[in-house]
Amino acid sequence: MTSRSFRVPSTCAHESSSDLAARPLYNRSNAFFTSASCADLLAQVADDSPEKDELKALWQEVRSVYGELSGTYQANKGDKGIPMA
């Protein structure tokens, strides 16, 4: 499976092609929110926290279910007219 990424040039700034290529695809922080991955959040939980093992197990379960769902989607999207299949 190949990953495709698209950067859209800014409509309010004059961006060169090299500026566009260097700009991150996703702003993790802006004026309204700061995002973090579940793995990053889990890493912030103290190792001696009683919840750490339960959170790790839950995160592994989420990843496993997501992997199964993604596999089903990837296997079946080609015959459904989904773009970039």
PDB file of N, CA and C in Angstrom:
ATOM      1  N   MET A   1       0.839  -1.171   0.000  1.00  0.00           N
ATOM      2  CA  MET A   1       0.000   0.000   0.000  1.00  0.00           C
ATOM      3  C   MET A   1       0.885   1.236   0.000  1.00  0.00           C
ATOM      4  N   THR A   2       0.585   2.181  -0.870  1.00  0.00           N
ATOM      5  CA  THR A   2       1.341   3.421  -0.902  1.00  0.00           C
ATOM      6  C   THR A   2       0.512   4.529  -0.293  1.00  0.00           C
ATOM      7  N   SER A   3       1.182   5.443   0.346  1.00  0.00           N
ATOM      8  CA  SER A   3       0.510   6.573   0.958  1.00  0.00           C
ATOM      9  C   SER A   3       0.666   7.777   0.047  1.00  0.00           C
ATOM     10  N   ARG A   4      -0.420   8.448  -0.199  1.00  0.00           N
ATOM     11  CA  ARG A   4      -0.381   9.646  -1.025  1.00  0.00           C
ATOM     12  C   ARG A   4      -0.674  10.840  -0.150  1.00  0.00           C
ATOM     13  N   SER A   5       0.095  11.900  -0.333  1.00  0.00           N
ATOM     14  CA  SER A   5      -0.100  13.113   0.440  1.00  0.00           C
ATOM     15  C   SER A   5      -0.230  14.281  -0.517  1.00  0.00           C
ATOM     16  N   PHE A   6      -1.134  15.158  -0.202  1.00  0.00           N
ATOM     17  CA  PHE A   6      -1.367  16.310  -1.046  1.00  0.00           C
ATOM     18  C   PHE A   6      -1.249  17.584  -0.226  1.00  0.00           C
ATOM     19  N   ARG A   7      -0.476  18.518  -0.745  1.00  0.00           N
ATOM     20  CA  ARG A   7      -0.371  19.832  -0.133  1.00  0.00           C
ATOM     21  C   ARG A   7      -1.097  20.802  -1.059  1.00  0.00           C
ATOM     22  N   VAL A   8      -1.912  21.637  -0.479  1.00  0.00           N
ATOM     23  CA  VAL A   8      -2.641  22.623  -1.261  1.00  0.00           C
ATOM     24  C   VAL A   8      -1.994  23.976  -1.018  1.00  0.00           C
ATOM     25  N   PRO A   9      -1.621  24.679  -2.095  1.00  0.00           N
ATOM     26  CA  PRO A   9      -1.000  25.993  -1.912  1.00  0.00           C
ATOM     27  C   PRO A   9      -1.920  26.949  -1.161  1.00  0.00           C
ATOM     28  N   SER A  10      -1.340  27.775  -0.360  1.00  0.00           N
ATOM     29  CA  SER A  10      -2.092  28.765   0.392  1.00  0.00           C
ATOM     30  C   SER A  10      -2.722  29.770  -0.562  1.00  0.00           C
ATOM     31  N   THR A  11      -3.942  30.138  -0.278  1.00  0.00           N
ATOM     32  CA  THR A  11      -4.612  31.143  -1.110  1.00  0.00           C
ATOM     33  C   THR A  11      -4.371  32.550  -0.585  1.00  0.00           C
ATOM     34  N   CYS A  12      -3.803  32.659   0.600  1.00  0.00           N
ATOM     35  CA  CYS A  12      -3.590  33.988   1.180  1.00  0.00           C
ATOM     36  C   CYS A  12      -2.117  34.345   1.320  1.00  0.00           C
ATOM     37  N   ALA A  13      -1.239  33.515   0.805  1.00  0.00           N
ATOM     38  CA  ALA A  13       0.198  33.789   0.884  1.00  0.00           C
ATOM     39  C   ALA A  13       0.855  33.381  -0.429  1.00  0.00           C
ATOM     40  N   HIS A  14       1.917  34.054  -0.742  1.00  0.00           N
ATOM     41  CA  HIS A  14       2.661  33.705  -1.955  1.00  0.00           C
ATOM     42  C   HIS A  14       3.699  32.658  -1.572  1.00  0.00           C
ATOM     43  N   GLU A  15       3.445  31.430  -1.950  1.00  0.00           N
ATOM     44  CA  GLU A  15       4.311  30.312  -1.607  1.00  0.00           C
ATOM     45  C   GLU A  15       5.059  29.843  -2.836  1.00  0.00           C
ATOM     46  N   SER A  16       6.366  29.686  -2.683  1.00  0.00           N
ATOM     47  CA  SER A  16       7.132  29.071  -3.762  1.00  0.00           C
ATOM     48  C   SER A  16       6.899  27.562  -3.698  1.00  0.00           C
ATOM     49  N   SER A  17       7.267  26.860  -4.740  1.00  0.00           N
ATOM     50  CA  SER A  17       7.095  25.404  -4.724  1.00  0.00           C
ATOM     51  C   SER A  17       7.948  24.769  -3.635  1.00  0.00           C
ATOM     52  N   SER A  18       9.117  25.340  -3.349  1.00  0.00           N
ATOM     53  CA  SER A  18       9.947  24.776  -2.272  1.00  0.00           C
ATOM     54  C   SER A  18       9.346  25.072  -0.900  1.00  0.00           C
ATOM     55  N   ASP A  19       8.719  26.267  -0.750  1.00  0.00           N
ATOM     56  CA  ASP A  19       8.033  26.565   0.513  1.00  0.00           C
ATOM     57  C   ASP A  19       6.875  25.598   0.734  1.00  0.00           C
ATOM     58  N   LEU A  20       6.123  25.351  -0.326  1.00  0.00           N
ATOM     59  CA  LEU A  20       4.999  24.425  -0.244  1.00  0.00           C
ATOM     60  C   LEU A  20       5.473  23.026   0.133  1.00  0.00           C
ATOM     61  N   ALA A  21       6.554  22.569  -0.486  1.00  0.00           N
ATOM     62  CA  ALA A  21       7.079  21.231  -0.203  1.00  0.00           C
ATOM     63  C   ALA A  21       7.592  21.107   1.233  1.00  0.00           C
ATOM     64  N   ALA A  22       8.076  22.212   1.791  1.00  0.00           N
ATOM     65  CA  ALA A  22       8.648  22.180   3.140  1.00  0.00           C
ATOM     66  C   ALA A  22       7.587  22.330   4.225  1.00  0.00           C
ATOM     67  N   ARG A  23       6.398  22.795   3.863  1.00  0.00           N
ATOM     68  CA  ARG A  23       5.341  23.025   4.852  1.00  0.00           C
ATOM     69  C   ARG A  23       4.767  21.693   5.320  1.00  0.00           C
ATOM     70  N   PRO A  24       4.579  21.530   6.638  1.00  0.00           N
ATOM     71  CA  PRO A  24       3.982  20.281   7.140  1.00  0.00           C
ATOM     72  C   PRO A  24       2.588  20.071   6.542  1.00  0.00           C
ATOM     73  N   LEU A  25       2.224  18.807   6.358  1.00  0.00           N
ATOM     74  CA  LEU A  25       0.899  18.504   5.837  1.00  0.00           C
ATOM     75  C   LEU A  25      -0.196  18.842   6.843  1.00  0.00           C
ATOM     76  N   TYR A  26       0.116  18.785   8.092  1.00  0.00           N
ATOM     77  CA  TYR A  26      -0.896  18.940   9.122  1.00  0.00           C
ATOM     78  C   TYR A  26      -0.352  19.818  10.232  1.00  0.00           C
ATOM     79  N   ASN A  27      -1.099  20.823  10.606  1.00  0.00           N
ATOM     80  CA  ASN A  27      -0.703  21.684  11.715  1.00  0.00           C
ATOM     81  C   ASN A  27      -1.194  21.067  13.012  1.00  0.00           C
ATOM     82  N   ARG A  28      -0.281  20.595  13.816  1.00  0.00           N
ATOM     83  CA  ARG A  28      -0.663  19.960  15.073  1.00  0.00           C
ATOM     84  C   ARG A  28      -1.169  20.956  16.101  1.00  0.00           C
ATOM     85  N   SER A  29      -0.847  22.216  15.894  1.00  0.00           N
ATOM     86  CA  SER A  29      -1.266  23.231  16.841  1.00  0.00           C
ATOM     87  C   SER A  29      -1.657  24.484  16.074  1.00  0.00           C
ATOM     88  N   ASN A  30      -2.761  25.083  16.489  1.00  0.00           N
ATOM     89  CA  ASN A  30      -3.151  26.358  15.907  1.00  0.00           C
ATOM     90  C   ASN A  30      -3.851  27.171  16.990  1.00  0.00           C
ATOM     91  N   ALA A  31      -4.515  28.243  16.612  1.00  0.00           N
ATOM     92  CA  ALA A  31      -5.142  29.126  17.586  1.00  0.00           C
ATOM     93  C   ALA A  31      -6.297  28.472  18.331  1.00  0.00           C
ATOM     94  N   PHE A  32      -6.808  27.363  17.809  1.00  0.00           N
ATOM     95  CA  PHE A  32      -8.002  26.756  18.390  1.00  0.00           C
ATOM     96  C   PHE A  32      -7.751  25.456  19.153  1.00  0.00           C
ATOM     97  N   PHE A  33      -6.715  24.714  18.784  1.00  0.00           N
ATOM     98  CA  PHE A  33      -6.476  23.439  19.453  1.00  0.00           C
ATOM     99  C   PHE A  33      -5.029  23.002  19.275  1.00  0.00           C
ATOM    100  N   THR A  34      -4.650  22.039  20.096  1.00  0.00           N
ATOM    101  CA  THR A  34      -3.375  21.348  19.946  1.00  0.00           C
ATOM    102  C   THR A  34      -3.700  19.861  19.925  1.00  0.00           C
ATOM    103  N   SER A  35      -3.253  19.181  18.882  1.00  0.00           N
ATOM    104  CA  SER A  35      -3.548  17.760  18.766  1.00  0.00           C
ATOM    105  C   SER A  35      -2.385  16.926  19.287  1.00  0.00           C
ATOM    106  N   ALA A  36      -2.686  15.689  19.596  1.00  0.00           N
ATOM    107  CA  ALA A  36      -1.657  14.736  20.011  1.00  0.00           C
ATOM    108  C   ALA A  36      -2.148  13.351  19.633  1.00  0.00           C
ATOM    109  N   SER A  37      -1.235  12.502  19.264  1.00  0.00           N
ATOM    110  CA  SER A  37      -1.615  11.129  18.953  1.00  0.00           C
ATOM    111  C   SER A  37      -1.889  10.384  20.250  1.00  0.00           C
ATOM    112  N   CYS A  38      -2.623   9.301  20.144  1.00  0.00           N
ATOM    113  CA  CYS A  38      -2.870   8.463  21.323  1.00  0.00           C
ATOM    114  C   CYS A  38      -1.554   7.931  21.885  1.00  0.00           C
ATOM    115  N   ALA A  39      -0.630   7.569  21.002  1.00  0.00           N
ATOM    116  CA  ALA A  39       0.667   7.069  21.463  1.00  0.00           C
ATOM    117  C   ALA A  39       1.421   8.146  22.237  1.00  0.00           C
ATOM    118  N   ASP A  40       1.363   9.402  21.762  1.00  0.00           N
ATOM    119  CA  ASP A  40       2.013  10.499  22.487  1.00  0.00           C
ATOM    120  C   ASP A  40       1.376  10.710  23.857  1.00  0.00           C
ATOM    121  N   LEU A  41       0.057  10.643  23.905  1.00  0.00           N
ATOM    122  CA  LEU A  41      -0.632  10.811  25.186  1.00  0.00           C
ATOM    123  C   LEU A  41      -0.302   9.675  26.144  1.00  0.00           C
ATOM    124  N   LEU A  42      -0.253   8.457  25.625  1.00  0.00           N
ATOM    125  CA  LEU A  42       0.090   7.302  26.462  1.00  0.00           C
ATOM    126  C   LEU A  42       1.511   7.430  27.015  1.00  0.00           C
ATOM    127  N   ALA A  43       2.400   7.969  26.211  1.00  0.00           N
ATOM    128  CA  ALA A  43       3.789   8.149  26.661  1.00  0.00           C
ATOM    129  C   ALA A  43       3.883   9.147  27.815  1.00  0.00           C
ATOM    130  N   GLN A  44       2.902  10.018  27.939  1.00  0.00           N
ATOM    131  CA  GLN A  44       2.911  11.012  29.016  1.00  0.00           C
ATOM    132  C   GLN A  44       2.413  10.449  30.353  1.00  0.00           C
ATOM    133  N   VAL A  45       1.789   9.278  30.316  1.00  0.00           N
ATOM    134  CA  VAL A  45       1.316   8.657  31.557  1.00  0.00           C
ATOM    135  C   VAL A  45       2.518   8.043  32.274  1.00  0.00           C
ATOM    136  N   ALA A  46       2.639   8.337  33.536  1.00  0.00           N
ATOM    137  CA  ALA A  46       3.780   7.836  34.315  1.00  0.00           C
ATOM    138  C   ALA A  46       3.814   6.314  34.297  1.00  0.00           C
ATOM    139  N   ASP A  47       5.012   5.761  34.171  1.00  0.00           N
ATOM    140  CA  ASP A  47       5.175   4.307  34.110  1.00  0.00           C
ATOM    141  C   ASP A  47       4.638   3.603  35.358  1.00  0.00           C
ATOM    142  N   ASP A  48       4.688   4.285  36.496  1.00  0.00           N
ATOM    143  CA  ASP A  48       4.205   3.659  37.735  1.00  0.00           C
ATOM    144  C   ASP A  48       2.713   3.940  37.990  1.00  0.00           C
ATOM    145  N   SER A  49       2.049   4.543  37.029  1.00  0.00           N
ATOM    146  CA  SER A  49       0.618   4.808  37.164  1.00  0.00           C
ATOM    147  C   SER A  49      -0.163   3.496  37.093  1.00  0.00           C
ATOM    148  N   PRO A  50      -1.149   3.315  37.984  1.00  0.00           N
ATOM    149  CA  PRO A  50      -1.927   2.072  37.962  1.00  0.00           C
ATOM    150  C   PRO A  50      -2.734   1.896  36.673  1.00  0.00           C
ATOM    151  N   GLU A  51      -3.005   2.986  35.974  1.00  0.00           N
ATOM    152  CA  GLU A  51      -3.789   2.914  34.736  1.00  0.00           C
ATOM    153  C   GLU A  51      -2.955   2.616  33.495  1.00  0.00           C
ATOM    154  N   LYS A  52      -1.642   2.701  33.596  1.00  0.00           N
ATOM    155  CA  LYS A  52      -0.783   2.594  32.407  1.00  0.00           C
ATOM    156  C   LYS A  52      -0.984   1.277  31.661  1.00  0.00           C
ATOM    157  N   ASP A  53      -0.963   0.158  32.354  1.00  0.00           N
ATOM    158  CA  ASP A  53      -1.114  -1.143  31.688  1.00  0.00           C
ATOM    159  C   ASP A  53      -2.479  -1.273  31.022  1.00  0.00           C
ATOM    160  N   GLU A  54      -3.522  -0.809  31.706  1.00  0.00           N
ATOM    161  CA  GLU A  54      -4.864  -0.869  31.133  1.00  0.00           C
ATOM    162  C   GLU A  54      -4.959   0.016  29.885  1.00  0.00           C
ATOM    163  N   LEU A  55      -4.379   1.199  29.937  1.00  0.00           N
ATOM    164  CA  LEU A  55      -4.392   2.104  28.787  1.00  0.00           C
ATOM    165  C   LEU A  55      -3.598   1.523  27.618  1.00  0.00           C
ATOM    166  N   LYS A  56      -2.458   0.896  27.919  1.00  0.00           N
ATOM    167  CA  LYS A  56      -1.664   0.262  26.854  1.00  0.00           C
ATOM    168  C   LYS A  56      -2.448  -0.852  26.176  1.00  0.00           C
ATOM    169  N   ALA A  57      -3.129  -1.664  26.967  1.00  0.00           N
ATOM    170  CA  ALA A  57      -3.921  -2.765  26.417  1.00  0.00           C
ATOM    171  C   ALA A  57      -5.068  -2.225  25.563  1.00  0.00           C
ATOM    172  N   LEU A  58      -5.712  -1.187  26.043  1.00  0.00           N
ATOM    173  CA  LEU A  58      -6.808  -0.577  25.289  1.00  0.00           C
ATOM    174  C   LEU A  58      -6.301   0.000  23.969  1.00  0.00           C
ATOM    175  N   TRP A  59      -5.163   0.666  24.004  1.00  0.00           N
ATOM    176  CA  TRP A  59      -4.575   1.237  22.792  1.00  0.00           C
ATOM    177  C   TRP A  59      -4.221   0.130  21.796  1.00  0.00           C
ATOM    178  N   GLN A  60      -3.681  -0.967  22.258  1.00  0.00           N
ATOM    179  CA  GLN A  60      -3.376  -2.093  21.362  1.00  0.00           C
ATOM    180  C   GLN A  60      -4.645  -2.668  20.747  1.00  0.00           C
ATOM    181  N   GLU A  61      -5.717  -2.741  21.535  1.00  0.00           N
ATOM    182  CA  GLU A  61      -6.989  -3.240  21.020  1.00  0.00           C
ATOM    183  C   GLU A  61      -7.537  -2.307  19.934  1.00  0.00           C
ATOM    184  N   VAL A  62      -7.476  -1.011  20.183  1.00  0.00           N
ATOM    185  CA  VAL A  62      -7.928  -0.030  19.189  1.00  0.00           C
ATOM    186  C   VAL A  62      -7.118  -0.176  17.902  1.00  0.00           C
ATOM    187  N   ARG A  63      -5.814  -0.291  18.025  1.00  0.00           N
ATOM    188  CA  ARG A  63      -4.960  -0.444  16.836  1.00  0.00           C
ATOM    189  C   ARG A  63      -5.278  -1.723  16.075  1.00  0.00           C
ATOM    190  N   SER A  64      -5.550  -2.785  16.797  1.00  0.00           N
ATOM    191  CA  SER A  64      -5.870  -4.059  16.173  1.00  0.00           C
ATOM    192  C   SER A  64      -7.187  -3.980  15.400  1.00  0.00           C
ATOM    193  N   VAL A  65      -8.210  -3.434  16.039  1.00  0.00           N
ATOM    194  CA  VAL A  65      -9.515  -3.303  15.383  1.00  0.00           C
ATOM    195  C   VAL A  65      -9.399  -2.381  14.171  1.00  0.00           C
ATOM    196  N   TYR A  66      -8.683  -1.274  14.335  1.00  0.00           N
ATOM    197  CA  TYR A  66      -8.496  -0.351  13.214  1.00  0.00           C
ATOM    198  C   TYR A  66      -7.778  -1.054  12.058  1.00  0.00           C
ATOM    199  N   GLY A  67      -6.774  -1.838  12.371  1.00  0.00           N
ATOM    200  CA  GLY A  67      -6.049  -2.575  11.334  1.00  0.00           C
ATOM    201  C   GLY A  67      -6.951  -3.528  10.568  1.00  0.00           C
ATOM    202  N   GLU A  68      -7.826  -4.217  11.283  1.00  0.00           N
ATOM    203  CA  GLU A  68      -8.770  -5.123  10.626  1.00  0.00           C
ATOM    204  C   GLU A  68      -9.734  -4.355   9.733  1.00  0.00           C
ATOM    205  N   LEU A  69     -10.283  -3.256  10.247  1.00  0.00           N
ATOM    206  CA  LEU A  69     -11.210  -2.443   9.463  1.00  0.00           C
ATOM    207  C   LEU A  69     -10.523  -1.849   8.235  1.00  0.00           C
ATOM    208  N   SER A  70      -9.324  -1.360   8.421  1.00  0.00           N
ATOM    209  CA  SER A  70      -8.578  -0.787   7.309  1.00  0.00           C
ATOM    210  C   SER A  70      -8.281  -1.841   6.250  1.00  0.00           C
ATOM    211  N   GLY A  71      -7.910  -3.029   6.688  1.00  0.00           N
ATOM    212  CA  GLY A  71      -7.634  -4.112   5.748  1.00  0.00           C
ATOM    213  C   GLY A  71      -8.858  -4.465   4.919  1.00  0.00           C
ATOM    214  N   THR A  72     -10.014  -4.520   5.568  1.00  0.00           N
ATOM    215  CA  THR A  72     -11.261  -4.796   4.850  1.00  0.00           C
ATOM    216  C   THR A  72     -11.559  -3.692   3.848  1.00  0.00           C
ATOM    217  N   TYR A  73     -11.414  -2.455   4.278  1.00  0.00           N
ATOM    218  CA  TYR A  73     -11.658  -1.319   3.393  1.00  0.00           C
ATOM    219  C   TYR A  73     -10.710  -1.344   2.196  1.00  0.00           C
ATOM    220  N   GLN A  74      -9.423  -1.513   2.460  1.00  0.00           N
ATOM    221  CA  GLN A  74      -8.431  -1.513   1.380  1.00  0.00           C
ATOM    222  C   GLN A  74      -8.686  -2.644   0.395  1.00  0.00           C
ATOM    223  N   ALA A  75      -9.076  -3.793   0.894  1.00  0.00           N
ATOM    224  CA  ALA A  75      -9.298  -4.958   0.031  1.00  0.00           C
ATOM    225  C   ALA A  75     -10.528  -4.791  -0.860  1.00  0.00           C
ATOM    226  N   ASN A  76     -11.486  -3.989  -0.438  1.00  0.00           N
ATOM    227  CA  ASN A  76     -12.745  -3.903  -1.155  1.00  0.00           C
ATOM    228  C   ASN A  76     -13.018  -2.578  -1.854  1.00  0.00           C
ATOM    229  N   LYS A  77     -12.175  -1.575  -1.667  1.00  0.00           N
ATOM    230  CA  LYS A  77     -12.494  -0.264  -2.229  1.00  0.00           C
ATOM    231  C   LYS A  77     -12.319  -0.216  -3.745  1.00  0.00           C
ATOM    232  N   GLY A  78     -11.464  -1.052  -4.311  1.00  0.00           N
ATOM    233  CA  GLY A  78     -11.198  -0.989  -5.747  1.00  0.00           C
ATOM    234  C   GLY A  78     -12.397  -1.249  -6.611  1.00  0.00           C
ATOM    235  N   ASP A  79     -13.272  -2.129  -6.174  1.00  0.00           N
ATOM    236  CA  ASP A  79     -14.441  -2.466  -6.994  1.00  0.00           C
ATOM    237  C   ASP A  79     -15.664  -1.633  -6.634  1.00  0.00           C
ATOM    238  N   LYS A  80     -15.470  -0.593  -5.826  1.00  0.00           N
ATOM    239  CA  LYS A  80     -16.599   0.237  -5.414  1.00  0.00           C
ATOM    240  C   LYS A  80     -16.560   1.640  -6.019  1.00  0.00           C
ATOM    241  N   GLY A  81     -15.580   1.906  -6.897  1.00  0.00           N
ATOM    242  CA  GLY A  81     -15.482   3.225  -7.513  1.00  0.00           C
ATOM    243  C   GLY A  81     -14.929   4.289  -6.596  1.00  0.00           C
ATOM    244  N   ILE A  82     -14.182   3.870  -5.582  1.00  0.00           N
ATOM    245  CA  ILE A  82     -13.595   4.834  -4.643  1.00  0.00           C
ATOM    246  C   ILE A  82     -12.312   5.387  -5.276  1.00  0.00           C
ATOM    247  N   PRO A  83     -12.176   6.726  -5.349  1.00  0.00           N
ATOM    248  CA  PRO A  83     -10.984   7.308  -5.956  1.00  0.00           C
ATOM    249  C   PRO A  83      -9.693   6.843  -5.268  1.00  0.00           C
ATOM    250  N   MET A  84      -8.630   6.800  -6.021  1.00  0.00           N
ATOM    251  CA  MET A  84      -7.281   6.443  -5.557  1.00  0.00           C
ATOM    252  C   MET A  84      -7.244   5.020  -5.021  1.00  0.00           C
ATOM    253  N   ALA A  85      -8.100   4.170  -5.538  1.00  0.00           N
ATOM    254  CA  ALA A  85      -8.130   2.788  -5.091  1.00  0.00           C
ATOM    255  C   ALA A  85      -6.967   2.018  -5.673  1.00  0.00           C
TER     256      ALA A  85
END
